[in-house]
Amino acid sequence: MKCLKHAVTVATACTVAAVTAMPALALENEFHGAYRMKTFVTNFDDGTFNQYDPAGKDKNAPTNSYVEQRIRLKYSAKLNDDFKLKTDFKIDSRWGSGAYDTHRKLGGEIGSDTVNLETRAAYLDFNLPVGGVNVKMGIQPWTDAYDGIFVDSQMAGVLGSTTINDLALSLGWFRLDDSAKTPFGHSPRDLVVLDGSYTVNKELTIGGSYYMLNDPTTSDTKYLGGSPRTLPTETVHTLGVNSMAKVGVATLNGYLLYQFGDLTELGTGKDRNISAFAGGLGARAKLDAGTVKASFLYASGDKNSGGSKAFRDVQDLDGGTETDYSSDMRMLRKDQFAGASGKSIIASINNLDQGVIFGSAGYDTNLSEKVFAGANVGFALVAEENANKPVNLATGVRNSSNYLGTEINAAIGYKFNANVTASLRGAYTILGDYYKGVALSGKTPDDPYSTSLMLVYSF
């Protein structure tokens, strides 16, 4: 691993030297972004990204009524077609949330003055003078080739990509975290990614990947923070294969991931061998004026709290999640239009080492040139029961059912012009017996619902 770090450092230095030798030219400034406002009436969303957990709480979840907004600001400084600086910022606020403060999601209170501008990306995007290699260097967005179930986030690092005839290759290194109790770079959490895809013909593309997550950080707190560590130390090797095929009006895709490596349990210090997997299938097809779609996902879980058989995804050291933003669910899985609110029943595909079994079907259509609509239904179970499953307070034991629930959601929207849309969205989840009797006094929690009106202006 040390040799790899030194090699990356040398390569980065050489790359910087090469690109800085380019002649100075006038810059082209580009500004893009979006404003998205959502009003909620819901007993599910609460302005957080927490995982849904009704255990020990009143069965009647309170109804929340609030407004939140997100502003995305993107600036690009283009030297020429071969060299650009790209940045991406966001401002999240819940109306009435606070003022004269320095925290994210605030600034919606009277007076408003709040430091809440967040940096999502700041990186160089350039082509090397020789070799046909594109390089992205800095804090950048990156998503795996598997619907983002392993990682879908912004990370600091270097990514090189090239295309040779029908073969596309990319190699990257990302620094996810650094230790708080050792010299910088001595015990960091790093991610190495290698992706390849080959276009067999116009109808078929196949691909493969190798990802290595190396996490030797053993200190009690994350880098420059005081939150207790919630993840085991681990070295995870992930091998993946994927394919996409066009058959008539349909597009089919599938993938399989296998993981091996080692982890050390956080509480006991026990060493375990990792053996986990995940797989997914998806289909989309044109039907009249719309598109019908279906998906299935399985990710292994572990009956033991150690999690060595549970599919590992990339998470924050403080327990946050940085994966899975590609589903069409609103509550069962993460809402792809989440803003300051992003609560979900399945917060990550690891799902507290329980894994996931998930399926969905849906239909999107244009009712006219201005009106669009869509509807989806999905179901989910945990793959394996473990100690993270809530206890039925009426019986004193965990329920035998692993069924989380069934979600039904729909939306209808209006397109004012190419840049402005408004949509009314609603979702309802029928909870499964996984949650039977887990609320206060052994009651079963009420089924959650979420309604929202969303206005989007893109520029």
Protein backbone atom coordinates (compact mmCIF):
# COMPACT_ATOMS: atom_id res chain seq x y z
CA MET A 1 0.00 0.00 0.00
CA LYS A 2 2.91 2.37 0.79
CA CYS A 3 4.41 1.73 -2.67
CA LEU A 4 1.07 2.58 -4.22
CA LYS A 5 0.85 5.83 -2.23
CA HIS A 6 4.38 6.86 -3.30
CA ALA A 7 3.61 6.00 -6.93
CA VAL A 8 0.44 8.08 -6.87
CA THR A 9 2.31 11.01 -5.30
CA VAL A 10 5.01 10.93 -7.98
CA ALA A 11 2.44 10.59 -10.77
CA THR A 12 0.47 13.52 -9.41
CA ALA A 13 3.57 15.72 -9.24
CA CYS A 14 4.54 14.83 -12.82
CA THR A 15 1.03 15.55 -14.04
CA VAL A 16 0.99 18.98 -12.40
CA ALA A 17 4.37 19.79 -13.95
CA ALA A 18 3.10 18.80 -17.39
CA VAL A 19 -0.10 20.81 -17.32
CA THR A 20 1.50 23.94 -15.83
CA ALA A 21 3.73 24.12 -18.89
CA MET A 22 0.71 25.05 -21.03
CA PRO A 23 0.65 28.62 -22.43
CA ALA A 24 -1.62 31.23 -20.80
CA LEU A 25 -4.88 31.98 -22.63
CA ALA A 26 -8.05 33.96 -21.91
CA LEU A 27 -10.49 32.15 -19.64
CA GLU A 28 -14.07 31.26 -20.49
CA ASN A 29 -16.31 31.52 -17.43
CA GLU A 30 -19.36 29.26 -17.21
CA PHE A 31 -22.06 29.40 -14.53
CA HIS A 32 -24.74 26.77 -14.02
CA GLY A 33 -26.90 25.64 -11.17
CA ALA A 34 -30.36 25.01 -9.83
CA TYR A 35 -32.83 26.17 -7.22
CA ARG A 36 -35.10 23.51 -5.74
CA MET A 37 -37.81 24.19 -3.17
CA LYS A 38 -39.96 21.52 -1.53
CA THR A 39 -42.91 21.89 0.82
CA PHE A 40 -43.70 18.85 2.99
CA VAL A 41 -46.69 17.43 4.82
CA THR A 42 -45.44 14.13 6.23
CA ASN A 43 -45.16 11.85 9.24
CA PHE A 44 -41.89 10.44 7.86
CA ASP A 45 -39.53 13.24 6.79
CA ASP A 46 -38.12 15.38 9.58
CA GLY A 47 -35.36 17.44 8.00
CA THR A 48 -32.66 14.81 8.64
CA PHE A 49 -30.90 12.01 6.78
CA ASN A 50 -31.42 9.56 9.63
CA GLN A 51 -32.50 5.98 9.11
CA TYR A 52 -36.15 5.33 9.95
CA ASP A 53 -36.34 3.85 13.45
CA PRO A 54 -39.74 3.69 15.22
CA ALA A 55 -38.50 1.38 18.00
CA GLY A 56 -39.70 2.50 21.43
CA LYS A 57 -41.43 5.61 20.08
CA ASP A 58 -45.09 6.59 19.97
CA LYS A 59 -46.94 4.65 17.28
CA ASN A 60 -48.48 7.90 16.04
CA ALA A 61 -45.57 9.74 14.47
CA PRO A 62 -46.18 13.51 14.45
CA THR A 63 -47.10 15.26 11.22
CA ASN A 64 -44.39 17.65 10.06
CA SER A 65 -45.23 20.59 7.81
CA TYR A 66 -42.23 22.54 6.56
CA VAL A 67 -40.45 24.07 3.59
CA GLU A 68 -36.85 23.51 2.56
CA GLN A 69 -34.72 24.76 -0.30
CA ARG A 70 -31.47 23.82 -1.97
CA ILE A 71 -29.36 25.99 -4.23
CA ARG A 72 -26.65 24.43 -6.40
CA LEU A 73 -24.01 26.75 -7.87
CA LYS A 74 -21.54 25.45 -10.44
CA TYR A 75 -18.67 27.48 -11.83
CA SER A 76 -16.20 26.38 -14.48
CA ALA A 77 -13.08 28.29 -15.55
CA LYS A 78 -12.20 27.01 -19.03
CA LEU A 79 -8.71 27.71 -20.29
CA ASN A 80 -9.31 25.68 -23.44
CA ASP A 81 -10.88 22.37 -24.41
CA ASP A 82 -8.04 20.56 -22.66
CA PHE A 83 -7.94 22.34 -19.31
CA LYS A 84 -10.73 23.40 -16.94
CA LEU A 85 -11.30 24.19 -13.29
CA LYS A 86 -14.68 22.91 -12.09
CA THR A 87 -16.42 23.77 -8.84
CA ASP A 88 -19.77 22.88 -7.29
CA PHE A 89 -21.35 24.45 -4.20
CA LYS A 90 -24.68 24.10 -2.42
CA ILE A 91 -26.74 25.98 0.16
CA ASP A 92 -29.38 24.00 2.07
CA SER A 93 -31.91 25.71 4.32
CA ARG A 94 -35.12 24.81 6.05
CA TRP A 95 -37.38 27.83 6.39
CA GLY A 96 -37.29 29.00 10.00
CA SER A 97 -34.32 26.78 10.84
CA GLY A 98 -31.88 29.30 12.33
CA ALA A 99 -29.83 32.43 11.75
CA TYR A 100 -26.51 34.00 12.78
CA ASP A 101 -24.90 30.57 12.94
CA THR A 102 -22.29 28.48 11.14
CA HIS A 103 -24.03 25.18 10.45
CA ARG A 104 -25.37 23.52 7.30
CA LYS A 105 -29.13 23.49 6.62
CA LEU A 106 -29.62 26.71 8.62
CA GLY A 107 -30.20 30.31 7.52
CA GLY A 108 -33.97 30.10 7.09
CA GLU A 109 -34.79 32.08 10.24
CA ILE A 110 -35.51 35.80 10.33
CA GLY A 111 -32.28 37.70 9.80
CA SER A 112 -30.99 34.76 7.76
CA ASP A 113 -27.27 35.57 8.11
CA THR A 114 -25.63 32.16 8.32
CA VAL A 115 -22.40 30.58 7.08
CA ASN A 116 -23.81 27.53 5.27
CA LEU A 117 -22.15 27.43 1.85
CA GLU A 118 -20.94 23.86 1.30
CA THR A 119 -18.22 22.78 -1.13
CA ARG A 120 -19.25 19.70 -3.09
CA ALA A 121 -16.48 19.74 -5.67
CA ALA A 122 -13.36 21.68 -6.63
CA TYR A 123 -11.08 19.99 -9.14
CA LEU A 124 -9.04 20.29 -12.32
CA ASP A 125 -10.31 18.48 -15.42
CA PHE A 126 -7.69 18.27 -18.13
CA ASN A 127 -6.30 16.17 -20.96
CA LEU A 128 -2.63 15.20 -20.97
CA PRO A 129 -0.66 16.45 -23.99
CA VAL A 130 0.09 12.86 -25.00
CA GLY A 131 -1.56 9.51 -24.51
CA GLY A 132 -5.20 10.55 -24.80
CA VAL A 133 -5.65 10.45 -21.01
CA ASN A 134 -8.17 12.64 -19.20
CA VAL A 135 -7.32 13.51 -15.59
CA LYS A 136 -9.58 14.80 -12.84
CA MET A 137 -7.63 16.02 -9.81
CA GLY A 138 -9.15 17.37 -6.60
CA ILE A 139 -12.43 17.04 -4.71
CA GLN A 140 -14.70 15.48 -7.30
CA PRO A 141 -17.90 13.44 -7.67
CA TRP A 142 -17.47 9.74 -8.35
CA THR A 143 -19.96 6.89 -8.60
CA ASP A 144 -19.24 3.21 -9.00
CA ALA A 145 -20.39 1.27 -12.07
CA TYR A 146 -23.07 -0.54 -10.05
CA ASP A 147 -25.88 1.98 -9.52
CA GLY A 148 -23.86 3.60 -6.74
CA ILE A 149 -24.56 0.86 -4.18
CA PHE A 150 -20.87 0.76 -3.16
CA VAL A 151 -20.14 4.49 -3.28
CA ASP A 152 -21.79 7.57 -4.77
CA SER A 153 -20.23 10.69 -3.32
CA GLN A 154 -17.66 13.47 -3.60
CA MET A 155 -14.07 12.56 -2.72
CA ALA A 156 -10.60 14.08 -2.87
CA GLY A 157 -8.28 12.26 -5.24
CA VAL A 158 -7.01 11.70 -8.76
CA LEU A 159 -8.84 9.86 -11.54
CA GLY A 160 -7.36 9.06 -14.95
CA SER A 161 -9.47 7.83 -17.87
CA THR A 162 -8.76 6.83 -21.45
CA THR A 163 -10.45 5.14 -24.40
CA ILE A 164 -8.69 2.77 -26.77
CA ASN A 165 -10.99 1.90 -29.66
CA ASP A 166 -13.94 0.13 -27.98
CA LEU A 167 -12.20 -0.25 -24.61
CA ALA A 168 -12.66 2.37 -21.86
CA LEU A 169 -10.41 2.33 -18.79
CA SER A 170 -10.18 4.42 -15.63
CA LEU A 171 -7.89 4.27 -12.62
CA GLY A 172 -8.23 6.40 -9.51
CA TRP A 173 -7.07 6.92 -5.95
CA PHE A 174 -9.11 8.77 -3.32
CA ARG A 175 -8.27 9.87 0.21
CA LEU A 176 -11.51 9.41 2.19
CA ASP A 177 -10.36 10.19 5.74
CA ASP A 178 -7.21 10.73 7.76
CA SER A 179 -6.45 9.71 11.32
CA ALA A 180 -6.79 12.19 14.16
CA LYS A 181 -4.08 10.62 16.33
CA THR A 182 -1.22 9.87 13.92
CA PRO A 183 0.82 12.06 11.54
CA PHE A 184 -1.11 12.85 8.37
CA GLY A 185 -0.91 10.07 5.81
CA HIS A 186 0.19 7.37 8.26
CA SER A 187 -3.23 5.77 8.86
CA PRO A 188 -5.59 7.14 6.23
CA ARG A 189 -8.68 5.55 4.76
CA ASP A 190 -8.04 5.23 1.01
CA LEU A 191 -10.02 3.95 -1.95
CA VAL A 192 -8.41 2.65 -5.15
CA VAL A 193 -10.71 2.13 -8.15
CA LEU A 194 -10.14 0.41 -11.48
CA ASP A 195 -12.96 0.25 -14.03
CA GLY A 196 -13.07 -1.10 -17.55
CA SER A 197 -15.78 -1.49 -20.15
CA TYR A 198 -15.83 -2.92 -23.65
CA THR A 199 -18.38 -2.12 -26.33
CA VAL A 200 -18.98 -5.42 -28.10
CA ASN A 201 -21.41 -3.85 -30.57
CA LYS A 202 -24.18 -1.26 -30.61
CA GLU A 203 -26.40 -3.54 -28.54
CA LEU A 204 -23.99 -4.92 -25.94
CA THR A 205 -21.48 -3.47 -23.46
CA ILE A 206 -19.65 -5.48 -20.81
CA GLY A 207 -17.48 -4.27 -17.96
CA GLY A 208 -15.44 -5.19 -14.94
CA SER A 209 -14.09 -3.47 -11.82
CA TYR A 210 -11.70 -3.79 -8.92
CA TYR A 211 -12.13 -1.53 -5.90
CA MET A 212 -9.95 -1.61 -2.78
CA LEU A 213 -11.06 0.13 0.40
CA ASN A 214 -8.16 0.27 2.87
CA ASP A 215 -9.05 1.49 6.35
CA PRO A 216 -6.33 1.08 9.01
CA THR A 217 -7.59 3.98 11.12
CA THR A 218 -7.79 2.74 14.71
CA SER A 219 -8.17 6.01 16.62
CA ASP A 220 -11.35 6.66 18.57
CA THR A 221 -12.36 9.74 16.62
CA LYS A 222 -12.47 10.74 13.00
CA TYR A 223 -10.06 13.27 11.51
CA LEU A 224 -10.54 16.73 13.05
CA GLY A 225 -13.78 15.64 14.70
CA GLY A 226 -15.04 14.38 18.02
CA SER A 227 -17.69 11.89 16.90
CA PRO A 228 -17.00 8.31 18.06
CA ARG A 229 -16.02 5.93 15.33
CA THR A 230 -18.88 3.61 14.30
CA LEU A 231 -17.20 1.45 11.64
CA PRO A 232 -14.78 -1.48 11.95
CA THR A 233 -11.27 -1.17 10.57
CA GLU A 234 -11.14 -3.13 7.35
CA THR A 235 -9.46 -3.89 4.06
CA VAL A 236 -12.12 -4.71 1.49
CA HIS A 237 -11.41 -5.96 -2.02
CA THR A 238 -14.41 -5.72 -4.37
CA LEU A 239 -14.55 -7.47 -7.74
CA GLY A 240 -17.41 -6.68 -10.08
CA VAL A 241 -18.77 -7.52 -13.51
CA ASN A 242 -21.55 -5.68 -15.31
CA SER A 243 -23.31 -5.59 -18.66
CA MET A 244 -25.89 -3.60 -20.58
CA ALA A 245 -27.81 -4.86 -23.59
CA LYS A 246 -30.38 -3.34 -25.93
CA VAL A 247 -33.07 -5.72 -27.10
CA GLY A 248 -35.61 -4.04 -29.34
CA VAL A 249 -37.22 -1.21 -27.37
CA ALA A 250 -35.83 -2.53 -24.08
CA THR A 251 -32.56 -1.83 -22.28
CA LEU A 252 -31.38 -4.51 -19.85
CA ASN A 253 -28.57 -4.25 -17.32
CA GLY A 254 -27.15 -6.50 -14.66
CA TYR A 255 -24.19 -6.74 -12.31
CA LEU A 256 -22.57 -8.90 -9.67
CA LEU A 257 -20.12 -7.86 -6.95
CA TYR A 258 -18.03 -10.09 -4.69
CA GLN A 259 -16.05 -8.86 -1.70
CA PHE A 260 -13.21 -10.40 0.27
CA GLY A 261 -10.68 -9.11 2.78
CA ASP A 262 -10.36 -8.59 6.52
CA LEU A 263 -12.08 -6.54 9.20
CA THR A 264 -11.56 -5.97 12.90
CA GLU A 265 -14.71 -5.62 14.99
CA LEU A 266 -15.07 -2.25 16.68
CA GLY A 267 -16.27 -3.55 20.05
CA THR A 268 -14.51 -6.91 20.49
CA GLY A 269 -11.34 -6.42 18.45
CA LYS A 270 -11.90 -9.79 16.76
CA ASP A 271 -10.44 -10.32 13.28
CA ARG A 272 -12.77 -11.72 10.63
CA ASN A 273 -12.49 -12.70 6.97
CA ILE A 274 -14.87 -10.86 4.67
CA SER A 275 -16.95 -12.83 2.16
CA ALA A 276 -19.93 -10.88 0.84
CA PHE A 277 -21.72 -10.20 -2.42
CA ALA A 278 -24.41 -8.14 -4.12
CA GLY A 279 -26.19 -8.35 -7.44
CA GLY A 280 -28.75 -6.37 -9.37
CA LEU A 281 -30.95 -6.53 -12.47
CA GLY A 282 -32.71 -3.70 -14.26
CA ALA A 283 -34.91 -3.24 -17.30
CA ARG A 284 -36.40 -0.25 -19.13
CA ALA A 285 -38.61 -0.27 -22.20
CA LYS A 286 -40.64 2.21 -24.24
CA LEU A 287 -44.38 1.75 -23.89
CA ASP A 288 -46.65 4.15 -25.77
CA ALA A 289 -45.64 7.68 -24.71
CA GLY A 290 -43.78 6.53 -21.63
CA THR A 291 -41.24 4.17 -20.16
CA VAL A 292 -41.89 1.06 -18.08
CA LYS A 293 -39.11 -0.01 -15.73
CA ALA A 294 -38.27 -2.71 -13.20
CA SER A 295 -35.36 -3.52 -10.90
CA PHE A 296 -34.17 -6.12 -8.40
CA LEU A 297 -31.33 -5.94 -5.88
CA TYR A 298 -29.83 -8.40 -3.42
CA ALA A 299 -27.05 -7.58 -0.97
CA SER A 300 -25.85 -10.15 1.54
CA GLY A 301 -26.26 -9.67 5.28
CA ASP A 302 -24.77 -11.28 8.37
CA LYS A 303 -26.51 -12.96 11.29
CA ASN A 304 -23.64 -11.93 13.53
CA SER A 305 -22.89 -8.37 14.55
CA GLY A 306 -19.37 -8.62 13.10
CA GLY A 307 -20.69 -8.13 9.59
CA SER A 308 -18.01 -10.10 7.74
CA LYS A 309 -20.65 -11.67 5.46
CA ALA A 310 -22.54 -8.41 4.98
CA PHE A 311 -21.96 -6.38 1.83
CA ARG A 312 -19.65 -3.49 2.65
CA ASP A 313 -20.40 -0.04 1.23
CA VAL A 314 -18.45 3.18 1.72
CA GLN A 315 -19.69 5.15 4.72
CA ASP A 316 -18.55 8.12 6.72
CA LEU A 317 -16.60 7.31 9.86
CA ASP A 318 -19.28 9.08 11.91
CA GLY A 319 -21.98 6.75 10.61
CA GLY A 320 -23.20 8.69 7.58
CA THR A 321 -23.94 7.04 4.25
CA GLU A 322 -22.46 7.90 0.87
CA THR A 323 -24.24 5.42 -1.39
CA ASP A 324 -27.44 4.51 -3.20
CA TYR A 325 -29.11 7.51 -4.81
CA SER A 326 -30.41 5.76 -7.94
CA SER A 327 -33.72 4.14 -6.94
CA ASP A 328 -37.21 5.49 -7.65
CA MET A 329 -38.30 5.18 -4.03
CA ARG A 330 -39.14 8.03 -1.65
CA MET A 331 -38.97 6.20 1.69
CA LEU A 332 -37.86 2.56 1.32
CA ARG A 333 -34.58 3.74 -0.21
CA LYS A 334 -33.06 7.19 -0.59
CA ASP A 335 -35.00 9.78 -2.55
CA GLN A 336 -32.89 10.80 -5.55
CA PHE A 337 -34.33 14.32 -5.17
CA ALA A 338 -33.39 14.57 -1.50
CA GLY A 339 -32.36 18.03 -0.37
CA ALA A 340 -31.99 19.07 3.25
CA SER A 341 -34.24 16.07 4.06
CA GLY A 342 -33.26 12.55 3.10
CA LYS A 343 -34.67 10.11 5.62
CA SER A 344 -35.08 6.49 4.46
CA ILE A 345 -35.94 3.04 5.75
CA ILE A 346 -32.82 1.61 4.08
CA ALA A 347 -30.11 4.22 4.63
CA SER A 348 -27.35 2.15 3.01
CA ILE A 349 -27.13 -1.15 1.17
CA ASN A 350 -25.16 -2.58 4.11
CA ASN A 351 -28.26 -1.76 6.16
CA LEU A 352 -26.74 -2.29 9.62
CA ASP A 353 -25.12 -5.54 8.40
CA GLN A 354 -28.59 -6.92 7.60
CA GLY A 355 -28.29 -6.60 3.82
CA VAL A 356 -31.18 -5.95 1.42
CA ILE A 357 -33.64 -7.75 -0.81
CA PHE A 358 -35.42 -5.17 -2.96
CA GLY A 359 -37.62 -5.07 -6.05
CA SER A 360 -39.53 -2.33 -7.85
CA ALA A 361 -41.58 -1.54 -10.94
CA GLY A 362 -42.74 1.76 -12.35
CA TYR A 363 -43.96 3.80 -15.27
CA ASP A 364 -43.08 7.34 -16.39
CA THR A 365 -44.94 9.17 -19.14
CA ASN A 366 -45.62 12.54 -20.74
CA LEU A 367 -49.34 13.27 -20.69
CA SER A 368 -48.81 16.28 -22.96
CA GLU A 369 -46.04 18.63 -24.01
CA LYS A 370 -46.28 20.31 -20.61
CA VAL A 371 -47.58 17.64 -18.22
CA PHE A 372 -45.60 14.61 -17.03
CA ALA A 373 -46.38 11.87 -14.52
CA GLY A 374 -44.98 8.70 -12.99
CA ALA A 375 -45.74 5.97 -10.47
CA ASN A 376 -43.68 3.29 -8.74
CA VAL A 377 -44.17 0.38 -6.38
CA GLY A 378 -41.39 -1.30 -4.42
CA PHE A 379 -40.85 -3.87 -1.69
CA ALA A 380 -37.94 -4.57 0.63
CA LEU A 381 -36.72 -7.13 3.16
CA VAL A 382 -33.56 -7.53 5.17
CA ALA A 383 -31.43 -10.41 3.87
CA GLU A 384 -30.37 -11.60 7.33
CA GLU A 385 -31.65 -10.98 10.84
CA ASN A 386 -29.15 -9.83 13.47
CA ALA A 387 -28.99 -7.92 16.75
CA ASN A 388 -29.83 -4.66 14.95
CA LYS A 389 -33.37 -5.88 14.35
CA PRO A 390 -35.80 -4.15 16.75
CA VAL A 391 -37.53 -6.13 19.50
CA ASN A 392 -41.30 -6.60 19.58
CA LEU A 393 -42.06 -4.93 22.91
CA ALA A 394 -45.30 -6.88 23.28
CA THR A 395 -43.57 -10.28 23.11
CA GLY A 396 -40.06 -9.39 24.26
CA VAL A 397 -38.45 -11.08 21.24
CA ARG A 398 -37.65 -10.09 17.67
CA ASN A 399 -40.29 -10.78 15.04
CA SER A 400 -39.72 -13.72 12.71
CA SER A 401 -40.58 -11.62 9.65
CA ASN A 402 -37.83 -9.81 7.75
CA TYR A 403 -40.32 -7.89 5.57
CA LEU A 404 -39.71 -4.14 5.83
CA GLY A 405 -42.64 -2.97 3.75
CA THR A 406 -44.18 -2.00 0.42
CA GLU A 407 -43.99 1.54 -0.93
CA ILE A 408 -46.33 3.11 -3.48
CA ASN A 409 -45.44 6.53 -4.85
CA ALA A 410 -46.62 8.80 -7.64
CA ALA A 411 -45.92 12.24 -9.05
CA ILE A 412 -47.49 14.61 -11.54
CA GLY A 413 -45.74 17.70 -12.83
CA TYR A 414 -45.96 20.68 -15.11
CA LYS A 415 -43.17 22.02 -17.32
CA PHE A 416 -43.43 25.80 -17.52
CA ASN A 417 -40.45 25.99 -19.89
CA ALA A 418 -37.14 24.24 -20.49
CA ASN A 419 -35.79 25.49 -17.15
CA VAL A 420 -38.73 25.54 -14.73
CA THR A 421 -40.86 22.62 -13.52
CA ALA A 422 -43.29 22.03 -10.66
CA SER A 423 -44.43 18.64 -9.42
CA LEU A 424 -46.72 17.20 -6.76
CA ARG A 425 -45.29 14.05 -5.17
CA GLY A 426 -46.78 11.53 -2.79
CA ALA A 427 -45.66 8.26 -1.21
CA TYR A 428 -47.15 5.75 1.21
CA THR A 429 -45.44 2.74 2.78
CA ILE A 430 -47.29 -0.25 4.19
CA LEU A 431 -44.94 -1.42 6.92
CA GLY A 432 -44.10 -5.11 7.11
CA ASP A 433 -44.12 -7.33 10.19
CA TYR A 434 -40.44 -6.54 10.75
CA TYR A 435 -41.83 -3.53 12.66
CA LYS A 436 -44.76 -5.29 14.37
CA GLY A 437 -45.05 -4.28 18.03
CA VAL A 438 -41.77 -2.32 18.13
CA ALA A 439 -43.33 1.04 19.07
CA LEU A 440 -43.99 2.25 22.60
CA SER A 441 -46.05 -0.16 24.76
CA GLY A 442 -45.74 -2.90 22.15
CA LYS A 443 -47.81 -1.06 19.56
CA THR A 444 -47.22 -1.28 15.82
CA PRO A 445 -46.15 2.06 14.28
CA ASP A 446 -48.49 3.80 11.87
CA ASP A 447 -47.68 3.46 8.20
CA PRO A 448 -45.53 6.40 7.06
CA TYR A 449 -46.49 8.81 4.30
CA SER A 450 -44.86 11.77 2.58
CA THR A 451 -46.37 14.44 0.35
CA SER A 452 -44.45 17.32 -1.18
CA LEU A 453 -44.73 20.07 -3.76
CA MET A 454 -41.43 20.62 -5.58
CA LEU A 455 -40.41 23.61 -7.69
CA VAL A 456 -37.18 23.43 -9.71
CA TYR A 457 -35.39 26.15 -11.68
CA SER A 458 -32.29 25.04 -13.58
CA PHE A 459 -29.90 27.47 -15.24
